[in-house]
Amino acid sequence: MLVDHRTYTVKPGTMARQLALYEKFGMVPQKRHLGEPLAYLITESGEVNTYVHVWVYKDAADRAAKRAAMSADPEWQIYLQKTGEAGYLIGQRNNLMTPAPFAPINR
C-alpha cells in the first residue's frame, strides 16, 4: 500500500474560495480516477492556511496509472487552469508513505 499525503498552502483569506473551486471543478474528475480520498482536511490550528488530502494506492504503479489517467482528463485540465488563474495556491508538499506494520490501513 502507498499513501500519498498532500499538503497545500493558500494565500490568507482564500481557503473558502479554493475549496469551492475544487468542489465545483476538481472533485468529480479526481474522484473518478483516484476513488475516494482517505481524508480531506482543513487545518484548524498550527500551520494555518493549509489543507491536506490523503489518497491510498495499491503501489507506485497503481498511483502512476491513476494519476496519468486523471492528468489526461479534460475536466481535470479545466480545474488546473481555473485554479492557476485564481492564484490562491502558494505551496504544495507531497509525501509518499507506507503504513507501519503494526498500524495497517484497512479499506
PDB file of N, CA and C in Angstrom:
ATOM      1  N   MET A   1       0.840  -1.175   0.000  1.00  0.00           N
ATOM      2  CA  MET A   1       0.000   0.000   0.000  1.00  0.00           C
ATOM      3  C   MET A   1       0.887   1.240   0.000  1.00  0.00           C
ATOM      4  N   LEU A   2       0.479   2.236  -0.782  1.00  0.00           N
ATOM      5  CA  LEU A   2       1.189   3.505  -0.853  1.00  0.00           C
ATOM      6  C   LEU A   2       0.204   4.623  -0.539  1.00  0.00           C
ATOM      7  N   VAL A   3       0.588   5.487   0.397  1.00  0.00           N
ATOM      8  CA  VAL A   3      -0.258   6.600   0.822  1.00  0.00           C
ATOM      9  C   VAL A   3       0.370   7.893   0.320  1.00  0.00           C
ATOM     10  N   ASP A   4      -0.428   8.689  -0.370  1.00  0.00           N
ATOM     11  CA  ASP A   4       0.015   9.977  -0.898  1.00  0.00           C
ATOM     12  C   ASP A   4      -0.603  11.065  -0.017  1.00  0.00           C
ATOM     13  N   HIS A   5       0.235  11.672   0.803  1.00  0.00           N
ATOM     14  CA  HIS A   5      -0.182  12.714   1.752  1.00  0.00           C
ATOM     15  C   HIS A   5       0.210  14.056   1.150  1.00  0.00           C
ATOM     16  N   ARG A   6      -0.795  14.875   0.812  1.00  0.00           N
ATOM     17  CA  ARG A   6      -0.556  16.139   0.114  1.00  0.00           C
ATOM     18  C   ARG A   6      -0.997  17.307   0.978  1.00  0.00           C
ATOM     19  N   THR A   7      -0.103  18.277   1.138  1.00  0.00           N
ATOM     20  CA  THR A   7      -0.413  19.490   1.890  1.00  0.00           C
ATOM     21  C   THR A   7      -0.317  20.680   0.944  1.00  0.00           C
ATOM     22  N   TYR A   8      -1.362  21.480   0.908  1.00  0.00           N
ATOM     23  CA  TYR A   8      -1.406  22.676   0.068  1.00  0.00           C
ATOM     24  C   TYR A   8      -1.522  23.902   0.956  1.00  0.00           C
ATOM     25  N   THR A   9      -0.833  24.962   0.583  1.00  0.00           N
ATOM     26  CA  THR A   9      -0.898  26.234   1.297  1.00  0.00           C
ATOM     27  C   THR A   9      -1.537  27.262   0.377  1.00  0.00           C
ATOM     28  N   VAL A  10      -2.484  28.016   0.944  1.00  0.00           N
ATOM     29  CA  VAL A  10      -3.180  29.044   0.171  1.00  0.00           C
ATOM     30  C   VAL A  10      -2.903  30.418   0.781  1.00  0.00           C
ATOM     31  N   LYS A  11      -3.109  31.441  -0.021  1.00  0.00           N
ATOM     32  CA  LYS A  11      -2.980  32.814   0.473  1.00  0.00           C
ATOM     33  C   LYS A  11      -4.009  33.034   1.586  1.00  0.00           C
ATOM     34  N   PRO A  12      -3.633  33.777   2.627  1.00  0.00           N
ATOM     35  CA  PRO A  12      -4.598  34.058   3.695  1.00  0.00           C
ATOM     36  C   PRO A  12      -5.899  34.637   3.127  1.00  0.00           C
ATOM     37  N   GLY A  13      -7.008  34.141   3.653  1.00  0.00           N
ATOM     38  CA  GLY A  13      -8.316  34.626   3.250  1.00  0.00           C
ATOM     39  C   GLY A  13      -8.890  33.985   2.000  1.00  0.00           C
ATOM     40  N   THR A  14      -8.184  33.002   1.421  1.00  0.00           N
ATOM     41  CA  THR A  14      -8.664  32.397   0.174  1.00  0.00           C
ATOM     42  C   THR A  14      -9.077  30.932   0.314  1.00  0.00           C
ATOM     43  N   MET A  15      -9.027  30.386   1.526  1.00  0.00           N
ATOM     44  CA  MET A  15      -9.327  28.961   1.712  1.00  0.00           C
ATOM     45  C   MET A  15     -10.711  28.601   1.171  1.00  0.00           C
ATOM     46  N   ALA A  16     -11.727  29.341   1.556  1.00  0.00           N
ATOM     47  CA  ALA A  16     -13.086  29.009   1.126  1.00  0.00           C
ATOM     48  C   ALA A  16     -13.214  29.067  -0.390  1.00  0.00           C
ATOM     49  N   ARG A  17     -12.574  30.040  -1.014  1.00  0.00           N
ATOM     50  CA  ARG A  17     -12.651  30.160  -2.472  1.00  0.00           C
ATOM     51  C   ARG A  17     -11.921  29.014  -3.166  1.00  0.00           C
ATOM     52  N   GLN A  18     -10.759  28.612  -2.626  1.00  0.00           N
ATOM     53  CA  GLN A  18     -10.017  27.497  -3.221  1.00  0.00           C
ATOM     54  C   GLN A  18     -10.807  26.203  -3.101  1.00  0.00           C
ATOM     55  N   LEU A  19     -11.384  25.962  -1.937  1.00  0.00           N
ATOM     56  CA  LEU A  19     -12.152  24.731  -1.749  1.00  0.00           C
ATOM     57  C   LEU A  19     -13.414  24.726  -2.610  1.00  0.00           C
ATOM     58  N   ALA A  20     -14.048  25.884  -2.781  1.00  0.00           N
ATOM     59  CA  ALA A  20     -15.231  25.972  -3.649  1.00  0.00           C
ATOM     60  C   ALA A  20     -14.854  25.692  -5.101  1.00  0.00           C
ATOM     61  N   LEU A  21     -13.714  26.192  -5.521  1.00  0.00           N
ATOM     62  CA  LEU A  21     -13.219  25.950  -6.874  1.00  0.00           C
ATOM     63  C   LEU A  21     -12.981  24.449  -7.081  1.00  0.00           C
ATOM     64  N   TYR A  22     -12.357  23.811  -6.094  1.00  0.00           N
ATOM     65  CA  TYR A  22     -12.121  22.370  -6.173  1.00  0.00           C
ATOM     66  C   TYR A  22     -13.449  21.607  -6.204  1.00  0.00           C
ATOM     67  N   GLU A  23     -14.364  21.975  -5.325  1.00  0.00           N
ATOM     68  CA  GLU A  23     -15.637  21.261  -5.264  1.00  0.00           C
ATOM     69  C   GLU A  23     -16.395  21.374  -6.587  1.00  0.00           C
ATOM     70  N   LYS A  24     -16.360  22.544  -7.208  1.00  0.00           N
ATOM     71  CA  LYS A  24     -17.101  22.771  -8.447  1.00  0.00           C
ATOM     72  C   LYS A  24     -16.442  22.131  -9.663  1.00  0.00           C
ATOM     73  N   PHE A  25     -15.111  22.197  -9.755  1.00  0.00           N
ATOM     74  CA  PHE A  25     -14.428  21.767 -10.980  1.00  0.00           C
ATOM     75  C   PHE A  25     -13.496  20.561 -10.820  1.00  0.00           C
ATOM     76  N   GLY A  26     -12.934  20.335  -9.639  1.00  0.00           N
ATOM     77  CA  GLY A  26     -11.906  19.311  -9.493  1.00  0.00           C
ATOM     78  C   GLY A  26     -12.332  18.009  -8.847  1.00  0.00           C
ATOM     79  N   MET A  27     -13.309  18.082  -7.968  1.00  0.00           N
ATOM     80  CA  MET A  27     -13.655  16.906  -7.170  1.00  0.00           C
ATOM     81  C   MET A  27     -14.156  15.735  -8.031  1.00  0.00           C
ATOM     82  N   VAL A  28     -15.059  15.996  -8.951  1.00  0.00           N
ATOM     83  CA  VAL A  28     -15.625  14.905  -9.758  1.00  0.00           C
ATOM     84  C   VAL A  28     -14.567  14.198 -10.600  1.00  0.00           C
ATOM     85  N   PRO A  29     -13.764  14.920 -11.381  1.00  0.00           N
ATOM     86  CA  PRO A  29     -12.764  14.184 -12.163  1.00  0.00           C
ATOM     87  C   PRO A  29     -11.705  13.508 -11.298  1.00  0.00           C
ATOM     88  N   GLN A  30     -11.345  14.124 -10.174  1.00  0.00           N
ATOM     89  CA  GLN A  30     -10.339  13.498  -9.323  1.00  0.00           C
ATOM     90  C   GLN A  30     -10.867  12.205  -8.719  1.00  0.00           C
ATOM     91  N   LYS A  31     -12.069  12.226  -8.197  1.00  0.00           N
ATOM     92  CA  LYS A  31     -12.643  11.007  -7.621  1.00  0.00           C
ATOM     93  C   LYS A  31     -12.899   9.950  -8.690  1.00  0.00           C
ATOM     94  N   ARG A  32     -13.216  10.385  -9.895  1.00  0.00           N
ATOM     95  CA  ARG A  32     -13.445   9.436 -10.986  1.00  0.00           C
ATOM     96  C   ARG A  32     -12.197   8.583 -11.235  1.00  0.00           C
ATOM     97  N   HIS A  33     -11.030   9.188 -11.095  1.00  0.00           N
ATOM     98  CA  HIS A  33      -9.786   8.477 -11.387  1.00  0.00           C
ATOM     99  C   HIS A  33      -9.105   7.903 -10.146  1.00  0.00           C
ATOM    100  N   LEU A  34      -9.191   8.611  -9.021  1.00  0.00           N
ATOM    101  CA  LEU A  34      -8.464   8.174  -7.827  1.00  0.00           C
ATOM    102  C   LEU A  34      -9.342   7.470  -6.804  1.00  0.00           C
ATOM    103  N   GLY A  35     -10.648   7.537  -6.947  1.00  0.00           N
ATOM    104  CA  GLY A  35     -11.551   6.986  -5.944  1.00  0.00           C
ATOM    105  C   GLY A  35     -11.731   7.986  -4.809  1.00  0.00           C
ATOM    106  N   GLU A  36     -12.252   7.521  -3.709  1.00  0.00           N
ATOM    107  CA  GLU A  36     -12.473   8.384  -2.548  1.00  0.00           C
ATOM    108  C   GLU A  36     -11.154   8.601  -1.801  1.00  0.00           C
ATOM    109  N   PRO A  37     -10.903   9.820  -1.365  1.00  0.00           N
ATOM    110  CA  PRO A  37      -9.699  10.040  -0.555  1.00  0.00           C
ATOM    111  C   PRO A  37      -9.865   9.397   0.820  1.00  0.00           C
ATOM    112  N   LEU A  38      -8.750   9.052   1.435  1.00  0.00           N
ATOM    113  CA  LEU A  38      -8.796   8.580   2.814  1.00  0.00           C
ATOM    114  C   LEU A  38      -9.214   9.734   3.713  1.00  0.00           C
ATOM    115  N   ALA A  39      -8.751  10.946   3.381  1.00  0.00           N
ATOM    116  CA  ALA A  39      -9.112  12.136   4.158  1.00  0.00           C
ATOM    117  C   ALA A  39      -8.931  13.381   3.303  1.00  0.00           C
ATOM    118  N   TYR A  40      -9.722  14.402   3.604  1.00  0.00           N
ATOM    119  CA  TYR A  40      -9.596  15.724   3.002  1.00  0.00           C
ATOM    120  C   TYR A  40      -9.843  16.681   4.152  1.00  0.00           C
ATOM    121  N   LEU A  41      -8.800  17.354   4.609  1.00  0.00           N
ATOM    122  CA  LEU A  41      -8.841  18.068   5.889  1.00  0.00           C
ATOM    123  C   LEU A  41      -8.390  19.516   5.763  1.00  0.00           C
ATOM    124  N   ILE A  42      -8.998  20.379   6.570  1.00  0.00           N
ATOM    125  CA  ILE A  42      -8.623  21.790   6.645  1.00  0.00           C
ATOM    126  C   ILE A  42      -7.977  22.026   8.009  1.00  0.00           C
ATOM    127  N   THR A  43      -6.830  22.698   8.019  1.00  0.00           N
ATOM    128  CA  THR A  43      -6.103  22.931   9.264  1.00  0.00           C
ATOM    129  C   THR A  43      -6.860  23.907  10.162  1.00  0.00           C
ATOM    130  N   GLU A  44      -7.065  23.518  11.405  1.00  0.00           N
ATOM    131  CA  GLU A  44      -7.719  24.364  12.410  1.00  0.00           C
ATOM    132  C   GLU A  44      -6.709  25.170  13.216  1.00  0.00           C
ATOM    133  N   SER A  45      -5.591  24.543  13.554  1.00  0.00           N
ATOM    134  CA  SER A  45      -4.555  25.237  14.316  1.00  0.00           C
ATOM    135  C   SER A  45      -3.202  24.730  13.844  1.00  0.00           C
ATOM    136  N   GLY A  46      -2.172  25.456  14.192  1.00  0.00           N
ATOM    137  CA  GLY A  46      -0.841  25.083  13.719  1.00  0.00           C
ATOM    138  C   GLY A  46      -0.538  25.842  12.451  1.00  0.00           C
ATOM    139  N   GLU A  47      -0.169  25.132  11.403  1.00  0.00           N
ATOM    140  CA  GLU A  47       0.161  25.748  10.125  1.00  0.00           C
ATOM    141  C   GLU A  47      -1.144  26.104   9.394  1.00  0.00           C
ATOM    142  N   VAL A  48      -1.675  27.291   9.702  1.00  0.00           N
ATOM    143  CA  VAL A  48      -2.951  27.708   9.127  1.00  0.00           C
ATOM    144  C   VAL A  48      -2.805  27.990   7.642  1.00  0.00           C
ATOM    145  N   ASN A  49      -3.938  28.191   6.992  1.00  0.00           N
ATOM    146  CA  ASN A  49      -3.987  28.409   5.545  1.00  0.00           C
ATOM    147  C   ASN A  49      -3.488  27.190   4.774  1.00  0.00           C
ATOM    148  N   THR A  50      -3.653  26.017   5.359  1.00  0.00           N
ATOM    149  CA  THR A  50      -3.280  24.779   4.678  1.00  0.00           C
ATOM    150  C   THR A  50      -4.444  23.798   4.719  1.00  0.00           C
ATOM    151  N   TYR A  51      -4.449  22.943   3.718  1.00  0.00           N
ATOM    152  CA  TYR A  51      -5.372  21.808   3.738  1.00  0.00           C
ATOM    153  C   TYR A  51      -4.602  20.588   3.262  1.00  0.00           C
ATOM    154  N   VAL A  52      -5.103  19.440   3.652  1.00  0.00           N
ATOM    155  CA  VAL A  52      -4.430  18.170   3.382  1.00  0.00           C
ATOM    156  C   VAL A  52      -5.423  17.223   2.736  1.00  0.00           C
ATOM    157  N   HIS A  53      -4.964  16.490   1.767  1.00  0.00           N
ATOM    158  CA  HIS A  53      -5.749  15.350   1.328  1.00  0.00           C
ATOM    159  C   HIS A  53      -4.837  14.144   1.208  1.00  0.00           C
ATOM    160  N   VAL A  54      -5.423  12.980   1.481  1.00  0.00           N
ATOM    161  CA  VAL A  54      -4.679  11.731   1.567  1.00  0.00           C
ATOM    162  C   VAL A  54      -5.355  10.704   0.651  1.00  0.00           C
ATOM    163  N   TRP A  55      -4.548  10.132  -0.235  1.00  0.00           N
ATOM    164  CA  TRP A  55      -5.038   9.133  -1.196  1.00  0.00           C
ATOM    165  C   TRP A  55      -4.299   7.829  -0.974  1.00  0.00           C
ATOM    166  N   VAL A  56      -4.981   6.719  -1.172  1.00  0.00           N
ATOM    167  CA  VAL A  56      -4.391   5.396  -0.959  1.00  0.00           C
ATOM    168  C   VAL A  56      -4.349   4.649  -2.296  1.00  0.00           C
ATOM    169  N   TYR A  57      -3.188   4.095  -2.584  1.00  0.00           N
ATOM    170  CA  TYR A  57      -2.976   3.322  -3.813  1.00  0.00           C
ATOM    171  C   TYR A  57      -2.450   1.934  -3.450  1.00  0.00           C
ATOM    172  N   LYS A  58      -2.610   0.991  -4.373  1.00  0.00           N
ATOM    173  CA  LYS A  58      -2.050  -0.343  -4.157  1.00  0.00           C
ATOM    174  C   LYS A  58      -0.528  -0.275  -4.077  1.00  0.00           C
ATOM    175  N   ASP A  59       0.066   0.492  -5.002  1.00  0.00           N
ATOM    176  CA  ASP A  59       1.515   0.600  -5.079  1.00  0.00           C
ATOM    177  C   ASP A  59       1.861   1.768  -6.002  1.00  0.00           C
ATOM    178  N   ALA A  60       3.134   1.964  -6.277  1.00  0.00           N
ATOM    179  CA  ALA A  60       3.575   3.085  -7.106  1.00  0.00           C
ATOM    180  C   ALA A  60       3.030   2.988  -8.533  1.00  0.00           C
ATOM    181  N   ALA A  61       2.926   1.782  -9.067  1.00  0.00           N
ATOM    182  CA  ALA A  61       2.403   1.617 -10.425  1.00  0.00           C
ATOM    183  C   ALA A  61       0.918   1.999 -10.497  1.00  0.00           C
ATOM    184  N   ASP A  62       0.167   1.622  -9.481  1.00  0.00           N
ATOM    185  CA  ASP A  62      -1.248   1.982  -9.403  1.00  0.00           C
ATOM    186  C   ASP A  62      -1.399   3.503  -9.344  1.00  0.00           C
ATOM    187  N   ARG A  63      -0.585   4.138  -8.528  1.00  0.00           N
ATOM    188  CA  ARG A  63      -0.613   5.598  -8.411  1.00  0.00           C
ATOM    189  C   ARG A  63      -0.281   6.246  -9.753  1.00  0.00           C
ATOM    190  N   ALA A  64       0.772   5.790 -10.394  1.00  0.00           N
ATOM    191  CA  ALA A  64       1.192   6.378 -11.665  1.00  0.00           C
ATOM    192  C   ALA A  64       0.100   6.234 -12.723  1.00  0.00           C
ATOM    193  N   ALA A  65      -0.521   5.081 -12.818  1.00  0.00           N
ATOM    194  CA  ALA A  65      -1.567   4.851 -13.819  1.00  0.00           C
ATOM    195  C   ALA A  65      -2.786   5.731 -13.561  1.00  0.00           C
ATOM    196  N   LYS A  66      -3.218   5.790 -12.316  1.00  0.00           N
ATOM    197  CA  LYS A  66      -4.398   6.598 -11.985  1.00  0.00           C
ATOM    198  C   LYS A  66      -4.135   8.082 -12.190  1.00  0.00           C
ATOM    199  N   ARG A  67      -2.973   8.543 -11.787  1.00  0.00           N
ATOM    200  CA  ARG A  67      -2.663   9.966 -11.937  1.00  0.00           C
ATOM    201  C   ARG A  67      -2.460  10.337 -13.416  1.00  0.00           C
ATOM    202  N   ALA A  68      -1.932   9.425 -14.220  1.00  0.00           N
ATOM    203  CA  ALA A  68      -1.787   9.694 -15.652  1.00  0.00           C
ATOM    204  C   ALA A  68      -3.163   9.819 -16.308  1.00  0.00           C
ATOM    205  N   ALA A  69      -4.071   8.930 -15.952  1.00  0.00           N
ATOM    206  CA  ALA A  69      -5.430   8.996 -16.499  1.00  0.00           C
ATOM    207  C   ALA A  69      -6.109  10.295 -16.077  1.00  0.00           C
ATOM    208  N   MET A  70      -5.936  10.686 -14.826  1.00  0.00           N
ATOM    209  CA  MET A  70      -6.528  11.930 -14.340  1.00  0.00           C
ATOM    210  C   MET A  70      -5.936  13.125 -15.079  1.00  0.00           C
ATOM    211  N   SER A  71      -4.644  13.138 -15.258  1.00  0.00           N
ATOM    212  CA  SER A  71      -3.979  14.250 -15.942  1.00  0.00           C
ATOM    213  C   SER A  71      -4.456  14.415 -17.374  1.00  0.00           C
ATOM    214  N   ALA A  72      -4.852  13.328 -18.015  1.00  0.00           N
ATOM    215  CA  ALA A  72      -5.326  13.376 -19.396  1.00  0.00           C
ATOM    216  C   ALA A  72      -6.807  13.749 -19.501  1.00  0.00           C
ATOM    217  N   ASP A  73      -7.506  13.780 -18.394  1.00  0.00           N
ATOM    218  CA  ASP A  73      -8.946  14.059 -18.373  1.00  0.00           C
ATOM    219  C   ASP A  73      -9.189  15.548 -18.647  1.00  0.00           C
ATOM    220  N   PRO A  74      -9.968  15.888 -19.670  1.00  0.00           N
ATOM    221  CA  PRO A  74     -10.232  17.298 -19.985  1.00  0.00           C
ATOM    222  C   PRO A  74     -10.869  18.075 -18.819  1.00  0.00           C
ATOM    223  N   GLU A  75     -11.725  17.415 -18.043  1.00  0.00           N
ATOM    224  CA  GLU A  75     -12.328  18.100 -16.889  1.00  0.00           C
ATOM    225  C   GLU A  75     -11.268  18.456 -15.857  1.00  0.00           C
ATOM    226  N   TRP A  76     -10.306  17.564 -15.630  1.00  0.00           N
ATOM    227  CA  TRP A  76      -9.231  17.853 -14.682  1.00  0.00           C
ATOM    228  C   TRP A  76      -8.363  19.001 -15.196  1.00  0.00           C
ATOM    229  N   GLN A  77      -8.126  19.023 -16.485  1.00  0.00           N
ATOM    230  CA  GLN A  77      -7.331  20.104 -17.077  1.00  0.00           C
ATOM    231  C   GLN A  77      -8.024  21.452 -16.916  1.00  0.00           C
ATOM    232  N   ILE A  78      -9.348  21.463 -17.003  1.00  0.00           N
ATOM    233  CA  ILE A  78     -10.104  22.709 -16.759  1.00  0.00           C
ATOM    234  C   ILE A  78      -9.902  23.158 -15.322  1.00  0.00           C
ATOM    235  N   TYR A  79      -9.985  22.211 -14.386  1.00  0.00           N
ATOM    236  CA  TYR A  79      -9.758  22.567 -12.977  1.00  0.00           C
ATOM    237  C   TYR A  79      -8.359  23.153 -12.793  1.00  0.00           C
ATOM    238  N   LEU A  80      -7.349  22.520 -13.353  1.00  0.00           N
ATOM    239  CA  LEU A  80      -5.982  23.027 -13.196  1.00  0.00           C
ATOM    240  C   LEU A  80      -5.849  24.431 -13.776  1.00  0.00           C
ATOM    241  N   GLN A  81      -6.492  24.671 -14.897  1.00  0.00           N
ATOM    242  CA  GLN A  81      -6.448  26.003 -15.499  1.00  0.00           C
ATOM    243  C   GLN A  81      -7.125  27.024 -14.584  1.00  0.00           C
ATOM    244  N   LYS A  82      -8.289  26.688 -14.075  1.00  0.00           N
ATOM    245  CA  LYS A  82      -9.035  27.626 -13.224  1.00  0.00           C
ATOM    246  C   LYS A  82      -8.304  27.894 -11.915  1.00  0.00           C
ATOM    247  N   THR A  83      -7.710  26.862 -11.326  1.00  0.00           N
ATOM    248  CA  THR A  83      -7.006  27.076 -10.060  1.00  0.00           C
ATOM    249  C   THR A  83      -5.737  27.890 -10.293  1.00  0.00           C
ATOM    250  N   GLY A  84      -5.088  27.696 -11.429  1.00  0.00           N
ATOM    251  CA  GLY A  84      -3.918  28.502 -11.766  1.00  0.00           C
ATOM    252  C   GLY A  84      -4.283  29.962 -11.973  1.00  0.00           C
ATOM    253  N   GLU A  85      -5.375  30.194 -12.682  1.00  0.00           N
ATOM    254  CA  GLU A  85      -5.837  31.562 -12.918  1.00  0.00           C
ATOM    255  C   GLU A  85      -6.238  32.257 -11.623  1.00  0.00           C
ATOM    256  N   ALA A  86      -6.849  31.514 -10.707  1.00  0.00           N
ATOM    257  CA  ALA A  86      -7.302  32.107  -9.440  1.00  0.00           C
ATOM    258  C   ALA A  86      -6.114  32.560  -8.598  1.00  0.00           C
ATOM    259  N   GLY A  87      -5.035  31.792  -8.616  1.00  0.00           N
ATOM    260  CA  GLY A  87      -3.829  32.186  -7.893  1.00  0.00           C
ATOM    261  C   GLY A  87      -3.900  32.068  -6.380  1.00  0.00           C
ATOM    262  N   TYR A  88      -4.795  31.244  -5.871  1.00  0.00           N
ATOM    263  CA  TYR A  88      -4.922  31.086  -4.414  1.00  0.00           C
ATOM    264  C   TYR A  88      -3.808  30.223  -3.837  1.00  0.00           C
ATOM    265  N   LEU A  89      -3.351  29.223  -4.587  1.00  0.00           N
ATOM    266  CA  LEU A  89      -2.335  28.295  -4.082  1.00  0.00           C
ATOM    267  C   LEU A  89      -0.951  28.934  -4.114  1.00  0.00           C
ATOM    268  N   ILE A  90      -0.226  28.780  -3.005  1.00  0.00           N
ATOM    269  CA  ILE A  90       1.142  29.312  -2.960  1.00  0.00           C
ATOM    270  C   ILE A  90       2.172  28.244  -2.620  1.00  0.00           C
ATOM    271  N   GLY A  91       1.718  27.033  -2.282  1.00  0.00           N
ATOM    272  CA  GLY A  91       2.671  25.980  -1.966  1.00  0.00           C
ATOM    273  C   GLY A  91       2.023  24.615  -1.953  1.00  0.00           C
ATOM    274  N   GLN A  92       2.850  23.600  -2.171  1.00  0.00           N
ATOM    275  CA  GLN A  92       2.393  22.216  -2.170  1.00  0.00           C
ATOM    276  C   GLN A  92       3.531  21.331  -1.690  1.00  0.00           C
ATOM    277  N   ARG A  93       3.181  20.343  -0.870  1.00  0.00           N
ATOM    278  CA  ARG A  93       4.164  19.355  -0.424  1.00  0.00           C
ATOM    279  C   ARG A  93       3.505  17.980  -0.512  1.00  0.00           C
ATOM    280  N   ASN A  94       4.189  17.036  -1.114  1.00  0.00           N
ATOM    281  CA  ASN A  94       3.690  15.665  -1.230  1.00  0.00           C
ATOM    282  C   ASN A  94       4.629  14.737  -0.486  1.00  0.00           C
ATOM    283  N   ASN A  95       4.055  13.830   0.271  1.00  0.00           N
ATOM    284  CA  ASN A  95       4.822  12.779   0.938  1.00  0.00           C
ATOM    285  C   ASN A  95       4.210  11.445   0.540  1.00  0.00           C
ATOM    286  N   LEU A  96       5.008  10.572  -0.048  1.00  0.00           N
ATOM    287  CA  LEU A  96       4.565   9.210  -0.326  1.00  0.00           C
ATOM    288  C   LEU A  96       5.002   8.356   0.851  1.00  0.00           C
ATOM    289  N   MET A  97       4.052   7.636   1.438  1.00  0.00           N
ATOM    290  CA  MET A  97       4.302   6.940   2.690  1.00  0.00           C
ATOM    291  C   MET A  97       3.728   5.522   2.637  1.00  0.00           C
ATOM    292  N   THR A  98       4.230   4.661   3.503  1.00  0.00           N
ATOM    293  CA  THR A  98       3.666   3.329   3.671  1.00  0.00           C
ATOM    294  C   THR A  98       3.289   3.159   5.141  1.00  0.00           C
ATOM    295  N   PRO A  99       2.216   2.429   5.413  1.00  0.00           N
ATOM    296  CA  PRO A  99       1.792   2.233   6.799  1.00  0.00           C
ATOM    297  C   PRO A  99       2.802   1.396   7.581  1.00  0.00           C
ATOM    298  N   ALA A 100       2.957   1.717   8.842  1.00  0.00           N
ATOM    299  CA  ALA A 100       3.781   0.895   9.735  1.00  0.00           C
ATOM    300  C   ALA A 100       3.126  -0.483   9.873  1.00  0.00           C
ATOM    301  N   PRO A 101       3.917  -1.532  10.021  1.00  0.00           N
ATOM    302  CA  PRO A 101       3.364  -2.892  10.081  1.00  0.00           C
ATOM    303  C   PRO A 101       2.330  -3.083  11.195  1.00  0.00           C
ATOM    304  N   PHE A 102       2.475  -2.352  12.280  1.00  0.00           N
ATOM    305  CA  PHE A 102       1.569  -2.515  13.426  1.00  0.00           C
ATOM    306  C   PHE A 102       0.330  -1.620  13.344  1.00  0.00           C
ATOM    307  N   ALA A 103       0.186  -0.827  12.263  1.00  0.00           N
ATOM    308  CA  ALA A 103      -0.957   0.060  12.120  1.00  0.00           C
ATOM    309  C   ALA A 103      -1.428   0.090  10.661  1.00  0.00           C
ATOM    310  N   PRO A 104      -1.919  -1.040  10.167  1.00  0.00           N
ATOM    311  CA  PRO A 104      -2.343  -1.077   8.770  1.00  0.00           C
ATOM    312  C   PRO A 104      -3.575  -0.202   8.518  1.00  0.00           C
ATOM    313  N   ILE A 105      -3.727   0.234   7.286  1.00  0.00           N
ATOM    314  CA  ILE A 105      -4.921   0.974   6.882  1.00  0.00           C
ATOM    315  C   ILE A 105      -5.865  -0.049   6.262  1.00  0.00           C
ATOM    316  N   ASN A 106      -7.019  -0.178   6.833  1.00  0.00           N
ATOM    317  CA  ASN A 106      -7.999  -1.140   6.346  1.00  0.00           C
ATOM    318  C   ASN A 106      -9.047  -0.417   5.523  1.00  0.00           C
ATOM    319  N   ARG A 107      -9.021  -0.651   4.234  1.00  0.00           N
ATOM    320  CA  ARG A 107     -10.004  -0.017   3.344  1.00  0.00           C
ATOM    321  C   ARG A 107     -10.821  -1.069   2.674  1.00  0.00           C
TER     322      ARG A 107
END
